Amino acid sequence: MKGDYEVKPKKVYAGYNVNQDARLSSSSGAVFSLLAENVLSQNGTVYGVKMSDDCYSAEFARVTDMAGLVWLRGSKYLQAKVGNTYKQIKDDLLAGKLVLFSGTGCQVNGLKNFLGKEYDNLLCVDVICHGTPSPALWKKYAEYQEKKNGGKLKGINFRCKDDSWTDFGMKEVLAELPQGEAKQLYISKDKDPYMQMFLRNYCLRPSCYDCAAKKVKMADLTIADFWGINDVAPEMNDGNGTSLILIRTDKGMKEFETISSKLKLKEVAYEDGVKSNPAEYKSCCRPSQRDTFFEDMDAMEFEELEKKYASPIKVTFKSRVKRKIKNTIKSALRAIGGERV
C-alpha cells in the first residue's frame, strides 16, 4: 500500500474553530472536534485516545455521541493501548458506518495495514508526533504525584493553556484522601519532570528515533500546533491556539470542506507551515543516555530519576550573552527586510 500515498500534502492551512469553548478545551485550534462532530451527526463512530479511569494509562476509545468527545480532546503524551480497536473499526466499516480514526502516524499506518484495503467510509486523521513516551514512566510519575500531593489523580490536561498556548503546562486534578475536595495543580512544562524527560527525548520508543511513519503517510488529514505562526500568519494568532492543517487526500479535502465554514482559515505554503515543526518530516535525536535512562527507570525512585534526568539545564553567562546578540541581530534584520517573515 506504500505506493498509494504521497508525503507532501495537497493543501496546507492555519486555522481554528470559531467555537471558543471547544477551542479552549483543545490543545490547539479544535479542528478535530469539528471533524468528529460531523461524523457523529451522520450516525458514525469516532475513535481516539482517552485517559483510563485511574489516570495511570491512555487507551483508545470508541465514541458514538457528542458527550463522549470530551474524553478525546487534547493531547495525551504517552503510548496508548490499542487493544482490539482495529477489529472494532473493521466491524463498523463492514456495517456501513462512517468512521473517524485519530492517532499518531504509526497508528494510522498500522490500521491501514491491518485492514489491507481502502474503505470509502473511513477517515483517518493523524497528528504531527514528536515521539511516544513510555507508559511505564507515566505510571511511575502519576504514582509519585499522588504520594507527593496526598490525593488520587482524577484528571489530567497535558496541554493546559490557561496562561498561554505557547507556554503551556500540565494541569492535574487530585481528590484528597481519604475523603475531601478535589484540588488542582498546574506545573509549567519547563518545570514538570515528566514533560522534561519527554522533551529531552529520553523516554521514547526505539522506533521513534527513526520513524517510518514520517516517510509513508497514510492519513487523510494531519493536524498539529502551528508553531511559528507569528512568522507566517500573525493575524491568525490570538493566543488561544492555532492549528496547522495538512490535507493529504481527496477524501480529506472533501471532509475538510464540510467543516471549513466553522473555521477561521488562511492557506499557507507547506514549507512555511512546517518550518517550526520539523517533527512533520524528521525523527527526533536519540540521546546517548537513552538506554541508561530505561535501566535507571526500573531501578530508581522517581525522585532520583528526576534529579538525574530532569534537572534544569544550566546556561552559562557567555551563552546568554551570545543568545541575546543573536536575537538582537535577527530582530534588526526583520526590521529592515533582510529576513523573510
C-alpha atoms as a PDB file:
ATOM      1  CA  MET A   1       0.000   0.000   0.000  1.00  0.00           C
ATOM      2  CA  LYS A   2       3.011   2.306   0.322  1.00  0.00           C
ATOM      3  CA  GLY A   3       2.926   3.480  -3.269  1.00  0.00           C
ATOM      4  CA  ASP A   4      -0.604   4.855  -2.910  1.00  0.00           C
ATOM      5  CA  TYR A   5       0.398   7.758  -0.645  1.00  0.00           C
ATOM      6  CA  GLU A   6       2.350  10.972  -1.016  1.00  0.00           C
ATOM      7  CA  VAL A   7       4.304  12.652   1.755  1.00  0.00           C
ATOM      8  CA  LYS A   8       3.664  16.247   0.685  1.00  0.00           C
ATOM      9  CA  PRO A   9       0.058  17.413   1.250  1.00  0.00           C
ATOM     10  CA  LYS A  10      -2.341  18.868  -1.323  1.00  0.00           C
ATOM     11  CA  LYS A  11      -3.210  21.949   0.755  1.00  0.00           C
ATOM     12  CA  VAL A  12      -1.948  23.494   3.991  1.00  0.00           C
ATOM     13  CA  TYR A  13      -3.832  25.884   6.273  1.00  0.00           C
ATOM     14  CA  ALA A  14      -3.545  27.778   9.508  1.00  0.00           C
ATOM     15  CA  GLY A  15      -6.921  27.571  11.206  1.00  0.00           C
ATOM     16  CA  TYR A  16      -9.007  27.425  14.328  1.00  0.00           C
ATOM     17  CA  ASN A  17     -12.539  26.603  15.421  1.00  0.00           C
ATOM     18  CA  VAL A  18     -14.700  29.721  15.863  1.00  0.00           C
ATOM     19  CA  ASN A  19     -16.372  27.984  18.832  1.00  0.00           C
ATOM     20  CA  GLN A  20     -14.288  29.369  21.679  1.00  0.00           C
ATOM     21  CA  ASP A  21     -15.365  26.778  24.272  1.00  0.00           C
ATOM     22  CA  ALA A  22     -14.274  23.862  22.061  1.00  0.00           C
ATOM     23  CA  ARG A  23     -11.040  25.634  21.284  1.00  0.00           C
ATOM     24  CA  LEU A  24     -10.120  26.317  24.898  1.00  0.00           C
ATOM     25  CA  SER A  25     -10.658  22.656  25.788  1.00  0.00           C
ATOM     26  CA  SER A  26      -8.394  21.500  22.937  1.00  0.00           C
ATOM     27  CA  SER A  27      -4.614  21.572  22.573  1.00  0.00           C
ATOM     28  CA  SER A  28      -4.543  23.973  19.635  1.00  0.00           C
ATOM     29  CA  GLY A  29      -7.333  25.051  17.267  1.00  0.00           C
ATOM     30  CA  ALA A  30     -10.024  22.375  17.910  1.00  0.00           C
ATOM     31  CA  VAL A  31     -10.162  21.139  14.308  1.00  0.00           C
ATOM     32  CA  PHE A  32     -10.515  17.515  15.446  1.00  0.00           C
ATOM     33  CA  SER A  33     -13.680  18.434  17.365  1.00  0.00           C
ATOM     34  CA  LEU A  34     -15.381  19.697  14.202  1.00  0.00           C
ATOM     35  CA  LEU A  35     -14.392  16.626  12.185  1.00  0.00           C
ATOM     36  CA  ALA A  36     -15.651  14.352  14.963  1.00  0.00           C
ATOM     37  CA  GLU A  37     -18.935  16.236  15.368  1.00  0.00           C
ATOM     38  CA  ASN A  38     -19.543  15.996  11.623  1.00  0.00           C
ATOM     39  CA  VAL A  39     -19.033  12.208  11.670  1.00  0.00           C
ATOM     40  CA  LEU A  40     -21.252  11.724  14.727  1.00  0.00           C
ATOM     41  CA  SER A  41     -24.014  13.815  13.125  1.00  0.00           C
ATOM     42  CA  GLN A  42     -24.139  11.136  10.398  1.00  0.00           C
ATOM     43  CA  ASN A  43     -24.558   8.312  12.949  1.00  0.00           C
ATOM     44  CA  GLY A  44     -20.874   7.459  12.595  1.00  0.00           C
ATOM     45  CA  THR A  45     -18.289   6.415  15.174  1.00  0.00           C
ATOM     46  CA  VAL A  46     -15.156   8.213  16.342  1.00  0.00           C
ATOM     47  CA  TYR A  47     -12.035   6.541  17.678  1.00  0.00           C
ATOM     48  CA  GLY A  48      -9.427   8.448  19.635  1.00  0.00           C
ATOM     49  CA  VAL A  49      -7.333   8.337  22.791  1.00  0.00           C
ATOM     50  CA  LYS A  50      -8.571   8.953  26.319  1.00  0.00           C
ATOM     51  CA  MET A  51      -7.038   8.555  29.749  1.00  0.00           C
ATOM     52  CA  SER A  52      -8.029   5.498  31.786  1.00  0.00           C
ATOM     53  CA  ASP A  53     -10.323   5.995  34.781  1.00  0.00           C
ATOM     54  CA  ASP A  54      -7.387   5.732  37.208  1.00  0.00           C
ATOM     55  CA  CYS A  55      -5.261   8.108  35.065  1.00  0.00           C
ATOM     56  CA  TYR A  56      -2.428   5.573  35.019  1.00  0.00           C
ATOM     57  CA  SER A  57      -2.592   4.881  31.273  1.00  0.00           C
ATOM     58  CA  ALA A  58      -4.010   6.035  27.928  1.00  0.00           C
ATOM     59  CA  GLU A  59      -6.254   3.888  25.734  1.00  0.00           C
ATOM     60  CA  PHE A  60      -8.249   4.062  22.539  1.00  0.00           C
ATOM     61  CA  ALA A  61     -11.977   4.575  22.946  1.00  0.00           C
ATOM     62  CA  ARG A  62     -14.996   4.273  20.645  1.00  0.00           C
ATOM     63  CA  VAL A  63     -17.327   7.279  20.846  1.00  0.00           C
ATOM     64  CA  THR A  64     -20.849   7.371  19.437  1.00  0.00           C
ATOM     65  CA  ASP A  65     -22.261  10.618  20.869  1.00  0.00           C
ATOM     66  CA  MET A  66     -21.201  14.237  21.325  1.00  0.00           C
ATOM     67  CA  ALA A  67     -20.825  13.892  25.100  1.00  0.00           C
ATOM     68  CA  GLY A  68     -18.043  11.338  24.657  1.00  0.00           C
ATOM     69  CA  LEU A  69     -15.852  13.752  22.688  1.00  0.00           C
ATOM     70  CA  VAL A  70     -14.757  15.499  25.872  1.00  0.00           C
ATOM     71  CA  TRP A  71     -12.565  12.467  26.691  1.00  0.00           C
ATOM     72  CA  LEU A  72     -10.845  12.512  23.287  1.00  0.00           C
ATOM     73  CA  ARG A  73      -9.938  16.196  23.152  1.00  0.00           C
ATOM     74  CA  GLY A  74      -6.423  17.290  23.989  1.00  0.00           C
ATOM     75  CA  SER A  75      -3.006  15.682  23.706  1.00  0.00           C
ATOM     76  CA  LYS A  76      -2.004  12.623  25.722  1.00  0.00           C
ATOM     77  CA  TYR A  77       1.758  12.365  25.948  1.00  0.00           C
ATOM     78  CA  LEU A  78       2.193   8.642  26.402  1.00  0.00           C
ATOM     79  CA  GLN A  79       1.750   5.500  24.322  1.00  0.00           C
ATOM     80  CA  ALA A  80      -1.902   4.451  24.185  1.00  0.00           C
ATOM     81  CA  LYS A  81      -3.195   0.887  24.420  1.00  0.00           C
ATOM     82  CA  VAL A  82      -4.697  -0.173  21.080  1.00  0.00           C
ATOM     83  CA  GLY A  83      -6.379  -3.370  22.335  1.00  0.00           C
ATOM     84  CA  ASN A  84      -8.999  -4.622  19.862  1.00  0.00           C
ATOM     85  CA  THR A  85      -9.592  -1.155  18.369  1.00  0.00           C
ATOM     86  CA  TYR A  86      -8.590  -2.117  14.833  1.00  0.00           C
ATOM     87  CA  LYS A  87     -11.009  -5.043  14.851  1.00  0.00           C
ATOM     88  CA  GLN A  88     -13.815  -2.821  16.172  1.00  0.00           C
ATOM     89  CA  ILE A  89     -13.149  -0.341  13.375  1.00  0.00           C
ATOM     90  CA  LYS A  90     -13.307  -3.073  10.744  1.00  0.00           C
ATOM     91  CA  ASP A  91     -16.634  -4.264  12.166  1.00  0.00           C
ATOM     92  CA  ASP A  92     -18.020  -0.710  11.987  1.00  0.00           C
ATOM     93  CA  LEU A  93     -16.766  -0.274   8.436  1.00  0.00           C
ATOM     94  CA  LEU A  94     -18.311  -3.552   7.284  1.00  0.00           C
ATOM     95  CA  ALA A  95     -21.577  -2.468   8.923  1.00  0.00           C
ATOM     96  CA  GLY A  96     -21.538   0.592   6.680  1.00  0.00           C
ATOM     97  CA  LYS A  97     -20.818   3.146   9.401  1.00  0.00           C
ATOM     98  CA  LEU A  98     -18.783   6.271   8.746  1.00  0.00           C
ATOM     99  CA  VAL A  99     -15.663   6.008  10.929  1.00  0.00           C
ATOM    100  CA  LEU A 100     -13.172   8.649  12.048  1.00  0.00           C
ATOM    101  CA  PHE A 101      -9.889   7.322  13.447  1.00  0.00           C
ATOM    102  CA  SER A 102      -7.459   9.726  15.111  1.00  0.00           C
ATOM    103  CA  GLY A 103      -3.973   8.759  16.292  1.00  0.00           C
ATOM    104  CA  THR A 104      -0.275   9.087  15.578  1.00  0.00           C
ATOM    105  CA  GLY A 105       1.082   8.430  12.106  1.00  0.00           C
ATOM    106  CA  CYS A 106       2.302   4.944  13.026  1.00  0.00           C
ATOM    107  CA  GLN A 107      -1.123   4.066  14.484  1.00  0.00           C
ATOM    108  CA  VAL A 108      -2.875   5.217  11.300  1.00  0.00           C
ATOM    109  CA  ASN A 109      -0.433   3.224   9.177  1.00  0.00           C
ATOM    110  CA  GLY A 110      -0.940   0.218  11.450  1.00  0.00           C
ATOM    111  CA  LEU A 111      -4.701   0.424  10.997  1.00  0.00           C
ATOM    112  CA  LYS A 112      -4.429   0.721   7.204  1.00  0.00           C
ATOM    113  CA  ASN A 113      -2.096  -2.274   7.023  1.00  0.00           C
ATOM    114  CA  PHE A 114      -4.421  -4.264   9.305  1.00  0.00           C
ATOM    115  CA  LEU A 115      -7.428  -3.524   7.077  1.00  0.00           C
ATOM    116  CA  GLY A 116      -5.472  -4.389   3.913  1.00  0.00           C
ATOM    117  CA  LYS A 117      -7.725  -2.307   1.645  1.00  0.00           C
ATOM    118  CA  GLU A 118      -9.232   1.154   1.351  1.00  0.00           C
ATOM    119  CA  TYR A 119     -12.697   1.906   2.724  1.00  0.00           C
ATOM    120  CA  ASP A 120     -14.653   4.883   1.434  1.00  0.00           C
ATOM    121  CA  ASN A 121     -16.326   5.260   4.832  1.00  0.00           C
ATOM    122  CA  LEU A 122     -13.048   5.565   6.796  1.00  0.00           C
ATOM    123  CA  LEU A 123     -11.460   8.937   7.537  1.00  0.00           C
ATOM    124  CA  CYS A 124      -8.015   8.887   9.162  1.00  0.00           C
ATOM    125  CA  VAL A 125      -6.541  11.891  10.947  1.00  0.00           C
ATOM    126  CA  ASP A 126      -3.057  11.839  12.419  1.00  0.00           C
ATOM    127  CA  VAL A 127      -1.068  14.321  14.475  1.00  0.00           C
ATOM    128  CA  ILE A 128       2.468  15.545  13.967  1.00  0.00           C
ATOM    129  CA  CYS A 129       4.236  13.460  16.571  1.00  0.00           C
ATOM    130  CA  HIS A 130       7.434  14.334  18.447  1.00  0.00           C
ATOM    131  CA  GLY A 131       7.618  10.764  19.767  1.00  0.00           C
ATOM    132  CA  THR A 132       5.744   8.392  22.063  1.00  0.00           C
ATOM    133  CA  PRO A 133       6.755   8.345  25.753  1.00  0.00           C
ATOM    134  CA  SER A 134       6.885   5.191  27.856  1.00  0.00           C
ATOM    135  CA  PRO A 135       3.598   4.308  29.611  1.00  0.00           C
ATOM    136  CA  ALA A 136       5.651   2.752  32.421  1.00  0.00           C
ATOM    137  CA  LEU A 137       7.330   6.114  33.068  1.00  0.00           C
ATOM    138  CA  TRP A 138       3.952   7.868  33.111  1.00  0.00           C
ATOM    139  CA  LYS A 139       2.557   5.426  35.699  1.00  0.00           C
ATOM    140  CA  LYS A 140       5.657   5.903  37.853  1.00  0.00           C
ATOM    141  CA  TYR A 141       5.237   9.677  37.603  1.00  0.00           C
ATOM    142  CA  ALA A 142       1.487   9.547  38.346  1.00  0.00           C
ATOM    143  CA  GLU A 143       2.025   7.446  41.473  1.00  0.00           C
ATOM    144  CA  TYR A 144       4.788   9.825  42.573  1.00  0.00           C
ATOM    145  CA  GLN A 145       2.478  12.829  42.159  1.00  0.00           C
ATOM    146  CA  GLU A 146      -0.258  11.121  44.175  1.00  0.00           C
ATOM    147  CA  LYS A 147       2.108  10.269  47.000  1.00  0.00           C
ATOM    148  CA  LYS A 148       3.686  13.725  46.971  1.00  0.00           C
ATOM    149  CA  ASN A 149       0.385  15.598  46.985  1.00  0.00           C
ATOM    150  CA  GLY A 150      -1.727  13.261  49.093  1.00  0.00           C
ATOM    151  CA  GLY A 151      -4.511  12.604  46.623  1.00  0.00           C
ATOM    152  CA  LYS A 152      -5.800  10.365  43.821  1.00  0.00           C
ATOM    153  CA  LEU A 153      -5.452  11.584  40.246  1.00  0.00           C
ATOM    154  CA  LYS A 154      -8.868  12.194  38.691  1.00  0.00           C
ATOM    155  CA  GLY A 155      -7.993  14.195  35.615  1.00  0.00           C
ATOM    156  CA  ILE A 156      -5.007  15.225  33.502  1.00  0.00           C
ATOM    157  CA  ASN A 157      -4.579  18.028  30.989  1.00  0.00           C
ATOM    158  CA  PHE A 158      -1.162  17.619  29.381  1.00  0.00           C
ATOM    159  CA  ARG A 159      -1.539  20.861  27.437  1.00  0.00           C
ATOM    160  CA  CYS A 160      -3.276  23.312  29.739  1.00  0.00           C
ATOM    161  CA  LYS A 161      -3.216  26.731  28.067  1.00  0.00           C
ATOM    162  CA  ASP A 162      -4.995  28.777  30.735  1.00  0.00           C
ATOM    163  CA  ASP A 163      -1.950  31.049  30.924  1.00  0.00           C
ATOM    164  CA  SER A 164      -0.638  30.689  27.383  1.00  0.00           C
ATOM    165  CA  TRP A 165      -0.986  28.414  24.348  1.00  0.00           C
ATOM    166  CA  THR A 166       2.757  28.507  23.656  1.00  0.00           C
ATOM    167  CA  ASP A 167       3.978  28.421  27.263  1.00  0.00           C
ATOM    168  CA  PHE A 168       1.643  25.618  28.339  1.00  0.00           C
ATOM    169  CA  GLY A 169       1.791  23.388  31.370  1.00  0.00           C
ATOM    170  CA  MET A 170       0.386  20.259  32.999  1.00  0.00           C
ATOM    171  CA  LYS A 171      -2.845  20.575  34.968  1.00  0.00           C
ATOM    172  CA  GLU A 172      -3.623  17.730  37.349  1.00  0.00           C
ATOM    173  CA  VAL A 173      -6.832  17.224  39.306  1.00  0.00           C
ATOM    174  CA  LEU A 174      -6.485  15.241  42.536  1.00  0.00           C
ATOM    175  CA  ALA A 175      -9.109  14.096  45.006  1.00  0.00           C
ATOM    176  CA  GLU A 176      -7.770  14.466  48.517  1.00  0.00           C
ATOM    177  CA  LEU A 177      -7.609  11.288  50.591  1.00  0.00           C
ATOM    178  CA  PRO A 178      -9.263   9.719  52.447  1.00  0.00           C
ATOM    179  CA  GLN A 179     -12.214  11.976  51.587  1.00  0.00           C
ATOM    180  CA  GLY A 180     -12.053  15.590  50.592  1.00  0.00           C
ATOM    181  CA  GLU A 181     -12.471  18.218  47.929  1.00  0.00           C
ATOM    182  CA  ALA A 182     -10.645  17.969  44.637  1.00  0.00           C
ATOM    183  CA  LYS A 183      -7.650  20.219  44.172  1.00  0.00           C
ATOM    184  CA  GLN A 184      -5.896  21.329  41.016  1.00  0.00           C
ATOM    185  CA  LEU A 185      -2.186  21.579  40.359  1.00  0.00           C
ATOM    186  CA  TYR A 186      -0.590  23.481  37.495  1.00  0.00           C
ATOM    187  CA  ILE A 187       3.035  22.779  36.571  1.00  0.00           C
ATOM    188  CA  SER A 188       4.805  24.604  33.744  1.00  0.00           C
ATOM    189  CA  LYS A 189       6.227  22.338  31.033  1.00  0.00           C
ATOM    190  CA  ASP A 190       9.613  23.866  31.852  1.00  0.00           C
ATOM    191  CA  LYS A 191       9.414  22.580  35.428  1.00  0.00           C
ATOM    192  CA  ASP A 192       7.400  19.374  35.196  1.00  0.00           C
ATOM    193  CA  PRO A 193       9.861  16.431  35.335  1.00  0.00           C
ATOM    194  CA  TYR A 194       7.785  14.128  33.129  1.00  0.00           C
ATOM    195  CA  MET A 195       7.479  16.758  30.400  1.00  0.00           C
ATOM    196  CA  GLN A 196      11.198  17.471  30.613  1.00  0.00           C
ATOM    197  CA  MET A 197      12.104  13.792  30.191  1.00  0.00           C
ATOM    198  CA  PHE A 198       9.743  13.681  27.200  1.00  0.00           C
ATOM    199  CA  LEU A 199      11.010  16.877  25.580  1.00  0.00           C
ATOM    200  CA  ARG A 200      14.622  15.773  26.102  1.00  0.00           C
ATOM    201  CA  ASN A 201      13.809  12.511  24.221  1.00  0.00           C
ATOM    202  CA  TYR A 202      14.900  10.138  26.983  1.00  0.00           C
ATOM    203  CA  CYS A 203      11.676   8.130  27.323  1.00  0.00           C
ATOM    204  CA  LEU A 204      10.587   7.412  23.734  1.00  0.00           C
ATOM    205  CA  ARG A 205      10.034   4.137  21.893  1.00  0.00           C
ATOM    206  CA  PRO A 206      13.114   2.903  19.973  1.00  0.00           C
ATOM    207  CA  SER A 207      11.246   3.297  16.659  1.00  0.00           C
ATOM    208  CA  CYS A 208      10.611   6.999  17.344  1.00  0.00           C
ATOM    209  CA  TYR A 209      14.259   7.820  16.663  1.00  0.00           C
ATOM    210  CA  ASP A 210      13.868   6.539  13.096  1.00  0.00           C
ATOM    211  CA  CYS A 211      10.145   6.894  12.471  1.00  0.00           C
ATOM    212  CA  ALA A 212       8.924   5.052   9.363  1.00  0.00           C
ATOM    213  CA  ALA A 213       5.606   6.927   9.503  1.00  0.00           C
ATOM    214  CA  LYS A 214       7.369  10.164   8.612  1.00  0.00           C
ATOM    215  CA  LYS A 215       8.307   8.628   5.273  1.00  0.00           C
ATOM    216  CA  VAL A 216       4.992   6.886   4.485  1.00  0.00           C
ATOM    217  CA  LYS A 217       1.932   8.937   5.433  1.00  0.00           C
ATOM    218  CA  MET A 218      -1.423   7.177   5.128  1.00  0.00           C
ATOM    219  CA  ALA A 219      -3.693   9.696   6.875  1.00  0.00           C
ATOM    220  CA  ASP A 220      -6.272  11.778   5.012  1.00  0.00           C
ATOM    221  CA  LEU A 221      -5.530  14.827   7.141  1.00  0.00           C
ATOM    222  CA  THR A 222      -2.792  15.794   9.560  1.00  0.00           C
ATOM    223  CA  ILE A 223      -3.346  18.300  12.349  1.00  0.00           C
ATOM    224  CA  ALA A 224      -0.822  19.904  14.701  1.00  0.00           C
ATOM    225  CA  ASP A 225       0.023  23.051  16.597  1.00  0.00           C
ATOM    226  CA  PHE A 226       1.035  25.821  14.230  1.00  0.00           C
ATOM    227  CA  TRP A 227       4.323  26.644  15.903  1.00  0.00           C
ATOM    228  CA  GLY A 228       5.920  29.754  14.424  1.00  0.00           C
ATOM    229  CA  ILE A 229       2.546  31.213  13.447  1.00  0.00           C
ATOM    230  CA  ASN A 230       3.736  34.764  14.184  1.00  0.00           C
ATOM    231  CA  ASP A 231       6.380  34.451  11.469  1.00  0.00           C
ATOM    232  CA  VAL A 232       3.905  33.133   8.885  1.00  0.00           C
ATOM    233  CA  ALA A 233       0.430  34.499   9.625  1.00  0.00           C
ATOM    234  CA  PRO A 234       0.464  36.634  12.798  1.00  0.00           C
ATOM    235  CA  GLU A 235      -3.139  37.711  12.202  1.00  0.00           C
ATOM    236  CA  MET A 236      -4.153  34.077  12.873  1.00  0.00           C
ATOM    237  CA  ASN A 237      -2.713  34.099  16.397  1.00  0.00           C
ATOM    238  CA  ASP A 238      -4.853  35.479  19.203  1.00  0.00           C
ATOM    239  CA  GLY A 239      -3.063  33.409  21.849  1.00  0.00           C
ATOM    240  CA  ASN A 240      -5.764  30.757  22.225  1.00  0.00           C
ATOM    241  CA  GLY A 241      -4.309  28.140  19.867  1.00  0.00           C
ATOM    242  CA  THR A 242      -3.969  27.801  16.102  1.00  0.00           C
ATOM    243  CA  SER A 243      -3.870  24.517  14.213  1.00  0.00           C
ATOM    244  CA  LEU A 244      -1.690  23.531  11.305  1.00  0.00           C
ATOM    245  CA  ILE A 245      -3.897  21.559   8.903  1.00  0.00           C
ATOM    246  CA  LEU A 246      -2.334  19.371   6.191  1.00  0.00           C
ATOM    247  CA  ILE A 247      -4.790  17.910   3.678  1.00  0.00           C
ATOM    248  CA  ARG A 248      -3.276  14.794   2.140  1.00  0.00           C
ATOM    249  CA  THR A 249      -6.042  13.088   0.129  1.00  0.00           C
ATOM    250  CA  ASP A 250      -9.132  13.945  -1.911  1.00  0.00           C
ATOM    251  CA  LYS A 251     -11.237  12.323   0.818  1.00  0.00           C
ATOM    252  CA  GLY A 252      -9.564  14.525   3.383  1.00  0.00           C
ATOM    253  CA  MET A 253     -10.276  17.589   1.257  1.00  0.00           C
ATOM    254  CA  LYS A 254     -13.950  16.659   0.923  1.00  0.00           C
ATOM    255  CA  GLU A 255     -14.394  16.202   4.675  1.00  0.00           C
ATOM    256  CA  PHE A 256     -12.462  19.380   5.404  1.00  0.00           C
ATOM    257  CA  GLU A 257     -14.732  21.389   3.118  1.00  0.00           C
ATOM    258  CA  THR A 258     -17.774  20.275   5.126  1.00  0.00           C
ATOM    259  CA  ILE A 259     -16.406  21.964   8.270  1.00  0.00           C
ATOM    260  CA  SER A 260     -14.489  24.890   6.756  1.00  0.00           C
ATOM    261  CA  SER A 261     -17.345  27.384   7.321  1.00  0.00           C
ATOM    262  CA  LYS A 262     -16.877  26.868  11.079  1.00  0.00           C
ATOM    263  CA  LEU A 263     -13.165  27.631  10.929  1.00  0.00           C
ATOM    264  CA  LYS A 264     -11.151  30.777  10.555  1.00  0.00           C
ATOM    265  CA  LEU A 265      -8.596  29.848   7.888  1.00  0.00           C
ATOM    266  CA  LYS A 266      -5.610  31.044   5.944  1.00  0.00           C
ATOM    267  CA  GLU A 267      -3.849  28.954   3.313  1.00  0.00           C
ATOM    268  CA  VAL A 268      -0.070  28.838   3.659  1.00  0.00           C
ATOM    269  CA  ALA A 269       2.842  27.195   1.859  1.00  0.00           C
ATOM    270  CA  TYR A 270       3.850  23.757   3.132  1.00  0.00           C
ATOM    271  CA  GLU A 271       7.411  24.919   3.810  1.00  0.00           C
ATOM    272  CA  ASP A 272       6.147  27.827   5.922  1.00  0.00           C
ATOM    273  CA  GLY A 273       3.732  25.605   7.806  1.00  0.00           C
ATOM    274  CA  VAL A 274       6.320  23.062   8.928  1.00  0.00           C
ATOM    275  CA  LYS A 275       9.495  25.124   9.294  1.00  0.00           C
ATOM    276  CA  SER A 276       8.930  25.450  13.052  1.00  0.00           C
ATOM    277  CA  ASN A 277       7.548  21.922  13.377  1.00  0.00           C
ATOM    278  CA  PRO A 278      10.242  19.635  11.929  1.00  0.00           C
ATOM    279  CA  ALA A 279       8.625  16.567  13.535  1.00  0.00           C
ATOM    280  CA  GLU A 280       6.411  16.512  10.423  1.00  0.00           C
ATOM    281  CA  TYR A 281       9.316  15.168   8.386  1.00  0.00           C
ATOM    282  CA  LYS A 282      12.222  14.463  10.780  1.00  0.00           C
ATOM    283  CA  SER A 283      12.634  11.991  13.642  1.00  0.00           C
ATOM    284  CA  CYS A 284      13.927  13.200  16.989  1.00  0.00           C
ATOM    285  CA  CYS A 285      17.527  12.608  18.034  1.00  0.00           C
ATOM    286  CA  ARG A 286      18.324   9.633  20.239  1.00  0.00           C
ATOM    287  CA  PRO A 287      20.167  10.808  23.383  1.00  0.00           C
ATOM    288  CA  SER A 288      23.340   8.960  24.288  1.00  0.00           C
ATOM    289  CA  GLN A 289      21.810   8.261  27.735  1.00  0.00           C
ATOM    290  CA  ARG A 290      18.605   6.747  26.382  1.00  0.00           C
ATOM    291  CA  ASP A 291      19.384   3.101  27.262  1.00  0.00           C
ATOM    292  CA  THR A 292      20.796   4.085  30.638  1.00  0.00           C
ATOM    293  CA  PHE A 293      17.628   6.067  31.308  1.00  0.00           C
ATOM    294  CA  PHE A 294      15.440   2.972  30.997  1.00  0.00           C
ATOM    295  CA  GLU A 295      17.764   0.960  33.224  1.00  0.00           C
ATOM    296  CA  ASP A 296      17.556   3.719  35.820  1.00  0.00           C
ATOM    297  CA  MET A 297      13.789   3.990  35.419  1.00  0.00           C
ATOM    298  CA  ASP A 298      13.426   0.387  36.581  1.00  0.00           C
ATOM    299  CA  ALA A 299      15.944   0.722  39.424  1.00  0.00           C
ATOM    300  CA  MET A 300      15.409   4.229  40.788  1.00  0.00           C
ATOM    301  CA  GLU A 301      12.700   6.008  42.720  1.00  0.00           C
ATOM    302  CA  PHE A 302      11.112   8.798  40.689  1.00  0.00           C
ATOM    303  CA  GLU A 303      12.808  11.480  42.808  1.00  0.00           C
ATOM    304  CA  GLU A 304      16.218  10.059  41.853  1.00  0.00           C
ATOM    305  CA  LEU A 305      15.228   9.832  38.193  1.00  0.00           C
ATOM    306  CA  GLU A 306      14.042  13.436  38.267  1.00  0.00           C
ATOM    307  CA  LYS A 307      17.299  14.646  39.790  1.00  0.00           C
ATOM    308  CA  LYS A 308      19.401  12.845  37.169  1.00  0.00           C
ATOM    309  CA  TYR A 309      17.357  13.472  34.014  1.00  0.00           C
ATOM    310  CA  ALA A 310      15.044  16.450  34.577  1.00  0.00           C
ATOM    311  CA  SER A 311      17.158  18.969  36.455  1.00  0.00           C
ATOM    312  CA  PRO A 312      17.152  22.492  34.976  1.00  0.00           C
ATOM    313  CA  ILE A 313      19.698  22.921  32.201  1.00  0.00           C
ATOM    314  CA  LYS A 314      22.343  25.390  33.319  1.00  0.00           C
ATOM    315  CA  VAL A 315      23.061  28.161  30.833  1.00  0.00           C
ATOM    316  CA  THR A 316      26.369  29.968  31.202  1.00  0.00           C
ATOM    317  CA  PHE A 317      26.626  33.763  31.202  1.00  0.00           C
ATOM    318  CA  LYS A 318      28.570  33.585  27.923  1.00  0.00           C
ATOM    319  CA  SER A 319      25.786  31.554  26.282  1.00  0.00           C
ATOM    320  CA  ARG A 320      23.132  34.007  27.463  1.00  0.00           C
ATOM    321  CA  VAL A 321      25.074  36.934  26.001  1.00  0.00           C
ATOM    322  CA  LYS A 322      25.555  35.131  22.653  1.00  0.00           C
ATOM    323  CA  ARG A 323      21.838  34.292  22.503  1.00  0.00           C
ATOM    324  CA  LYS A 324      20.875  37.900  23.257  1.00  0.00           C
ATOM    325  CA  ILE A 325      23.177  39.203  20.492  1.00  0.00           C
ATOM    326  CA  LYS A 326      21.789  36.671  18.027  1.00  0.00           C
ATOM    327  CA  ASN A 327      18.183  37.656  18.821  1.00  0.00           C
ATOM    328  CA  THR A 328      19.040  41.353  18.511  1.00  0.00           C
ATOM    329  CA  ILE A 329      20.573  40.801  15.054  1.00  0.00           C
ATOM    330  CA  LYS A 330      17.570  38.725  13.976  1.00  0.00           C
ATOM    331  CA  SER A 331      15.174  41.483  15.072  1.00  0.00           C
ATOM    332  CA  ALA A 332      17.209  44.085  13.193  1.00  0.00           C
ATOM    333  CA  LEU A 333      17.204  42.000  10.009  1.00  0.00           C
ATOM    334  CA  ARG A 334      13.442  41.624  10.189  1.00  0.00           C
ATOM    335  CA  ALA A 335      13.009  45.353  10.703  1.00  0.00           C
ATOM    336  CA  ILE A 336      14.987  46.207   7.528  1.00  0.00           C
ATOM    337  CA  GLY A 337      13.568  43.348   5.470  1.00  0.00           C
ATOM    338  CA  GLY A 338      16.707  41.273   5.447  1.00  0.00           C
ATOM    339  CA  GLU A 339      14.892  38.164   6.617  1.00  0.00           C
ATOM    340  CA  ARG A 340      11.587  36.816   5.319  1.00  0.00           C
ATOM    341  CA  VAL A 341       8.823  36.862   7.966  1.00  0.00           C
END
